[in-house]
Amino acid sequence: IDYSGHSFDSYPNGLAAVFGPDAIPQAGLLQIVAFVGALELFVMKDVTGEGEFPGDFRNGALDFGW
């Protein structure tokens, strides 16, 4: 994942990836949480109120006749 030789196999699964001795660096974890938060607050919104089902974020832009 970085130039110092760490790959995806270098990090453990589950909670050990956050709290363990070989955990993801705190700055990287903060970037992931901030990115997901920005998506939730600013992008993934039903702006027009026309959502036909939960998760319908088309906002009238695309209509494939669902």
N, C-alpha and C. Protein backbone atom coordinates (compact mmCIF):
# COMPACT_ATOMS: atom_id res chain seq x y z
N ILE A 1 0.83 -1.18 0.00
CA ILE A 1 0.00 0.00 0.00
C ILE A 1 0.88 1.25 0.00
N ASP A 2 2.12 1.13 0.44
CA ASP A 2 2.99 2.29 0.45
C ASP A 2 4.37 1.93 -0.09
N TYR A 3 5.24 2.92 -0.17
CA TYR A 3 6.56 2.72 -0.76
C TYR A 3 7.54 2.00 0.16
N SER A 4 7.20 1.84 1.44
CA SER A 4 8.11 1.17 2.36
C SER A 4 7.92 -0.34 2.37
N GLY A 5 7.09 -0.86 1.50
CA GLY A 5 6.97 -2.31 1.36
C GLY A 5 5.76 -2.93 1.99
N HIS A 6 4.87 -2.16 2.61
CA HIS A 6 3.67 -2.72 3.19
C HIS A 6 2.65 -3.04 2.10
N SER A 7 2.06 -4.22 2.19
CA SER A 7 1.01 -4.61 1.25
C SER A 7 -0.25 -4.91 2.03
N PHE A 8 -1.30 -5.30 1.34
CA PHE A 8 -2.55 -5.62 2.02
C PHE A 8 -2.38 -6.82 2.95
N ASP A 9 -1.46 -7.70 2.62
CA ASP A 9 -1.21 -8.87 3.47
C ASP A 9 -0.48 -8.51 4.76
N SER A 10 0.06 -7.30 4.85
CA SER A 10 0.80 -6.89 6.03
C SER A 10 -0.11 -6.54 7.20
N TYR A 11 -1.39 -6.34 6.93
CA TYR A 11 -2.31 -5.91 7.98
C TYR A 11 -3.29 -7.03 8.29
N PRO A 12 -3.64 -7.19 9.57
CA PRO A 12 -4.56 -8.26 9.97
C PRO A 12 -6.01 -7.92 9.63
N ASN A 13 -6.88 -8.89 9.87
CA ASN A 13 -8.31 -8.71 9.62
C ASN A 13 -9.04 -8.28 10.88
N GLY A 14 -10.26 -7.79 10.72
CA GLY A 14 -11.14 -7.51 11.84
C GLY A 14 -10.65 -6.38 12.74
N LEU A 15 -10.95 -6.52 14.03
CA LEU A 15 -10.58 -5.47 14.98
C LEU A 15 -9.07 -5.38 15.18
N ALA A 16 -8.35 -6.44 14.88
CA ALA A 16 -6.89 -6.39 14.99
C ALA A 16 -6.30 -5.39 14.01
N ALA A 17 -7.00 -5.10 12.91
CA ALA A 17 -6.52 -4.10 11.96
C ALA A 17 -6.62 -2.69 12.52
N VAL A 18 -7.45 -2.52 13.56
CA VAL A 18 -7.62 -1.20 14.15
C VAL A 18 -6.87 -1.08 15.48
N PHE A 19 -6.91 -2.15 16.29
CA PHE A 19 -6.37 -2.07 17.65
C PHE A 19 -5.13 -2.91 17.88
N GLY A 20 -4.76 -3.77 16.96
CA GLY A 20 -3.66 -4.70 17.19
C GLY A 20 -2.29 -4.07 17.03
N PRO A 21 -1.24 -4.87 17.26
CA PRO A 21 0.13 -4.35 17.14
C PRO A 21 0.51 -4.01 15.70
N ASP A 22 -0.08 -4.69 14.73
CA ASP A 22 0.19 -4.40 13.32
C ASP A 22 -0.96 -3.64 12.69
N ALA A 23 -1.56 -2.73 13.44
CA ALA A 23 -2.76 -2.02 13.01
C ALA A 23 -2.47 -1.03 11.89
N ILE A 24 -3.52 -0.64 11.19
CA ILE A 24 -3.44 0.41 10.18
C ILE A 24 -3.03 1.70 10.89
N PRO A 25 -2.15 2.50 10.31
CA PRO A 25 -1.75 3.76 10.95
C PRO A 25 -2.97 4.65 11.22
N GLN A 26 -2.92 5.39 12.32
CA GLN A 26 -4.05 6.23 12.73
C GLN A 26 -4.43 7.25 11.67
N ALA A 27 -3.45 7.82 10.98
CA ALA A 27 -3.76 8.81 9.95
C ALA A 27 -4.54 8.18 8.80
N GLY A 28 -4.19 6.95 8.45
CA GLY A 28 -4.92 6.26 7.39
C GLY A 28 -6.34 5.93 7.80
N LEU A 29 -6.51 5.51 9.05
CA LEU A 29 -7.85 5.21 9.56
C LEU A 29 -8.69 6.48 9.61
N LEU A 30 -8.09 7.59 10.01
CA LEU A 30 -8.80 8.86 10.05
C LEU A 30 -9.22 9.30 8.64
N GLN A 31 -8.39 9.07 7.64
CA GLN A 31 -8.74 9.40 6.26
C GLN A 31 -9.93 8.58 5.78
N ILE A 32 -9.97 7.30 6.14
CA ILE A 32 -11.08 6.45 5.73
C ILE A 32 -12.38 6.93 6.38
N VAL A 33 -12.33 7.20 7.68
CA VAL A 33 -13.52 7.65 8.40
C VAL A 33 -13.98 9.02 7.88
N ALA A 34 -13.06 9.92 7.60
CA ALA A 34 -13.43 11.24 7.08
C ALA A 34 -14.04 11.14 5.69
N PHE A 35 -13.51 10.25 4.84
CA PHE A 35 -14.04 10.09 3.50
C PHE A 35 -15.46 9.52 3.54
N VAL A 36 -15.68 8.51 4.37
CA VAL A 36 -17.02 7.93 4.49
C VAL A 36 -17.99 8.97 5.07
N GLY A 37 -17.54 9.74 6.04
CA GLY A 37 -18.38 10.79 6.62
C GLY A 37 -18.76 11.85 5.60
N ALA A 38 -17.80 12.25 4.75
CA ALA A 38 -18.09 13.24 3.71
C ALA A 38 -19.09 12.69 2.70
N LEU A 39 -18.95 11.43 2.34
CA LEU A 39 -19.91 10.83 1.42
C LEU A 39 -21.31 10.81 2.03
N GLU A 40 -21.40 10.43 3.30
CA GLU A 40 -22.70 10.36 3.96
C GLU A 40 -23.35 11.73 4.09
N LEU A 41 -22.56 12.76 4.37
CA LEU A 41 -23.13 14.09 4.61
C LEU A 41 -23.41 14.89 3.34
N PHE A 42 -22.56 14.74 2.31
CA PHE A 42 -22.66 15.64 1.17
C PHE A 42 -23.03 14.98 -0.15
N VAL A 43 -22.78 13.70 -0.32
CA VAL A 43 -22.98 13.07 -1.63
C VAL A 43 -24.18 12.15 -1.64
N MET A 44 -24.25 11.23 -0.72
CA MET A 44 -25.29 10.20 -0.73
C MET A 44 -26.57 10.73 -0.10
N LYS A 45 -27.25 11.65 -0.78
CA LYS A 45 -28.45 12.27 -0.26
C LYS A 45 -29.57 12.18 -1.29
N ASP A 46 -30.78 12.03 -0.81
CA ASP A 46 -31.95 12.09 -1.69
C ASP A 46 -32.40 13.55 -1.70
N VAL A 47 -31.81 14.33 -2.58
CA VAL A 47 -32.01 15.76 -2.59
C VAL A 47 -33.43 16.13 -3.01
N THR A 48 -33.97 15.46 -4.02
CA THR A 48 -35.26 15.83 -4.58
C THR A 48 -36.43 15.20 -3.86
N GLY A 49 -36.19 14.19 -3.04
CA GLY A 49 -37.29 13.51 -2.36
C GLY A 49 -38.04 12.53 -3.24
N GLU A 50 -37.46 12.18 -4.39
CA GLU A 50 -38.12 11.28 -5.34
C GLU A 50 -37.66 9.84 -5.20
N GLY A 51 -36.97 9.50 -4.12
CA GLY A 51 -36.45 8.14 -3.96
C GLY A 51 -37.57 7.11 -3.93
N GLU A 52 -37.47 6.10 -4.81
CA GLU A 52 -38.49 5.07 -4.90
C GLU A 52 -38.25 3.94 -3.91
N PHE A 53 -37.01 3.81 -3.43
CA PHE A 53 -36.65 2.73 -2.51
C PHE A 53 -35.43 3.19 -1.71
N PRO A 54 -35.17 2.58 -0.56
CA PRO A 54 -33.99 2.97 0.21
C PRO A 54 -32.71 2.78 -0.61
N GLY A 55 -31.88 3.80 -0.63
CA GLY A 55 -30.65 3.74 -1.40
C GLY A 55 -30.79 4.30 -2.80
N ASP A 56 -31.95 4.83 -3.15
CA ASP A 56 -32.17 5.41 -4.47
C ASP A 56 -31.69 6.85 -4.45
N PHE A 57 -30.47 7.08 -4.92
CA PHE A 57 -29.86 8.41 -4.91
C PHE A 57 -29.76 8.99 -6.32
N ARG A 58 -30.63 8.56 -7.22
CA ARG A 58 -30.57 9.06 -8.59
C ARG A 58 -30.94 10.52 -8.67
N ASN A 59 -31.82 10.99 -7.79
CA ASN A 59 -32.24 12.39 -7.75
C ASN A 59 -32.77 12.89 -9.08
N GLY A 60 -33.45 12.03 -9.81
CA GLY A 60 -34.05 12.42 -11.07
C GLY A 60 -33.08 12.48 -12.23
N ALA A 61 -31.80 12.17 -12.02
CA ALA A 61 -30.81 12.29 -13.08
C ALA A 61 -30.83 11.09 -14.03
N LEU A 62 -30.96 9.91 -13.51
CA LEU A 62 -30.98 8.71 -14.33
C LEU A 62 -32.30 8.00 -14.13
N ASP A 63 -32.93 7.58 -15.19
CA ASP A 63 -34.16 6.82 -15.06
C ASP A 63 -34.11 5.67 -16.04
N PHE A 64 -33.81 4.50 -15.50
CA PHE A 64 -33.75 3.31 -16.33
C PHE A 64 -35.07 2.55 -16.30
N GLY A 65 -36.12 3.15 -15.77
CA GLY A 65 -37.43 2.51 -15.73
C GLY A 65 -37.53 1.42 -14.70
N TRP A 66 -36.90 1.60 -13.55
CA TRP A 66 -36.93 0.60 -12.51
C TRP A 66 -38.32 0.56 -11.97
